[in-house]
Amino acid sequence: MLELYQRVSLNRDFPEHNLKKGDIATLVDLVPHPTDGEDGYVLEVFNAIGESINVIIVPLSTVKPLKPDEILSVRSLIEVKS
């Protein structure tokens, strides 16, 4: 089980929030599903300089803990249209 305020990585894209697989967020709460579905995590997403840019709720299965053999990277939030 993940712990509150732990940094986690998304393991799938969330285009409705402009977030991609591999983006990092901080786990801020656990949300039980109102019926029998998958519980969720409340995540706070920060930009590269530490400003909060979004708070989202995602299913438990869509995040994973960071591992020591992973490295962080930076990408722009601005969508590039070709």
Protein backbone atom coordinates (compact mmCIF):
# COMPACT_ATOMS: atom_id res chain seq x y z
CA MET A 1 0.00 0.00 0.00
CA LEU A 2 1.24 3.46 -0.84
CA GLU A 3 1.61 6.08 1.88
CA LEU A 4 0.18 9.59 2.05
CA TYR A 5 2.45 12.30 0.63
CA GLN A 6 4.49 9.74 -1.25
CA ARG A 7 5.49 10.69 -4.79
CA VAL A 8 4.13 8.30 -7.39
CA SER A 9 4.29 7.82 -11.14
CA LEU A 10 1.30 7.48 -13.44
CA ASN A 11 1.26 4.23 -15.39
CA ARG A 12 -1.14 5.47 -18.08
CA ASP A 13 -2.08 8.70 -19.84
CA PHE A 14 -4.83 11.00 -18.57
CA PRO A 15 -5.40 13.23 -21.62
CA GLU A 16 -8.39 14.95 -19.96
CA HIS A 17 -5.88 16.36 -17.44
CA ASN A 18 -2.98 16.78 -19.91
CA LEU A 19 -1.02 14.13 -17.98
CA LYS A 20 1.06 11.34 -19.46
CA LYS A 21 2.35 7.97 -18.37
CA GLY A 22 5.46 8.56 -16.27
CA ASP A 23 4.36 11.95 -14.89
CA ILE A 24 4.98 12.37 -11.16
CA ALA A 25 2.36 13.35 -8.58
CA THR A 26 1.99 13.35 -4.81
CA LEU A 27 -0.56 11.06 -3.18
CA VAL A 28 -2.68 13.19 -0.83
CA ASP A 29 -5.68 10.99 0.02
CA LEU A 30 -7.43 7.66 -0.51
CA VAL A 31 -10.99 7.68 -1.84
CA PRO A 32 -13.17 4.60 -1.34
CA HIS A 33 -15.37 3.75 -4.30
CA PRO A 34 -19.03 4.48 -3.50
CA THR A 35 -20.13 1.02 -4.68
CA ASP A 36 -17.99 -2.03 -5.41
CA GLY A 37 -15.59 -0.49 -7.93
CA GLU A 38 -11.90 0.23 -7.61
CA ASP A 39 -10.90 2.68 -4.89
CA GLY A 40 -9.03 5.80 -5.91
CA TYR A 41 -6.17 8.08 -4.96
CA VAL A 42 -6.33 11.85 -4.80
CA LEU A 43 -3.14 13.15 -6.41
CA GLU A 44 -1.70 16.64 -6.42
CA VAL A 45 0.31 17.47 -9.52
CA PHE A 46 3.10 20.05 -9.43
CA ASN A 47 5.02 21.80 -12.18
CA ALA A 48 8.83 21.64 -12.38
CA ILE A 49 9.28 24.56 -9.95
CA GLY A 50 6.97 23.11 -7.29
CA GLU A 51 3.76 25.03 -7.96
CA SER A 52 0.54 23.04 -7.61
CA ILE A 53 -1.19 22.83 -10.99
CA ASN A 54 -3.93 20.25 -10.49
CA VAL A 55 -5.62 17.86 -8.08
CA ILE A 56 -7.09 14.72 -9.63
CA ILE A 57 -8.66 11.44 -8.56
CA VAL A 58 -7.41 8.28 -10.27
CA PRO A 59 -7.97 4.53 -9.74
CA LEU A 60 -5.45 2.78 -7.47
CA SER A 61 -4.20 0.65 -10.36
CA THR A 62 -3.03 3.68 -12.36
CA VAL A 63 -0.15 4.71 -10.10
CA LYS A 64 3.05 3.08 -8.93
CA PRO A 65 5.72 4.04 -6.43
CA LEU A 66 8.94 5.60 -7.70
CA LYS A 67 11.94 3.26 -7.81
CA PRO A 68 15.62 4.03 -7.26
CA ASP A 69 16.53 2.93 -10.80
CA GLU A 70 14.24 5.56 -12.40
CA ILE A 71 15.18 9.10 -13.40
CA LEU A 72 12.93 12.17 -13.60
CA SER A 73 12.53 14.19 -16.79
CA VAL A 74 10.76 17.40 -17.81
CA ARG A 75 8.16 18.02 -20.52
CA SER A 76 6.08 21.03 -21.46
CA LEU A 77 2.41 21.20 -20.51
CA ILE A 78 1.73 23.16 -23.68
CA GLU A 79 0.33 20.91 -26.37
CA VAL A 80 2.37 21.13 -29.57
CA LYS A 81 0.15 20.92 -32.65
CA SER A 82 1.65 19.84 -35.94
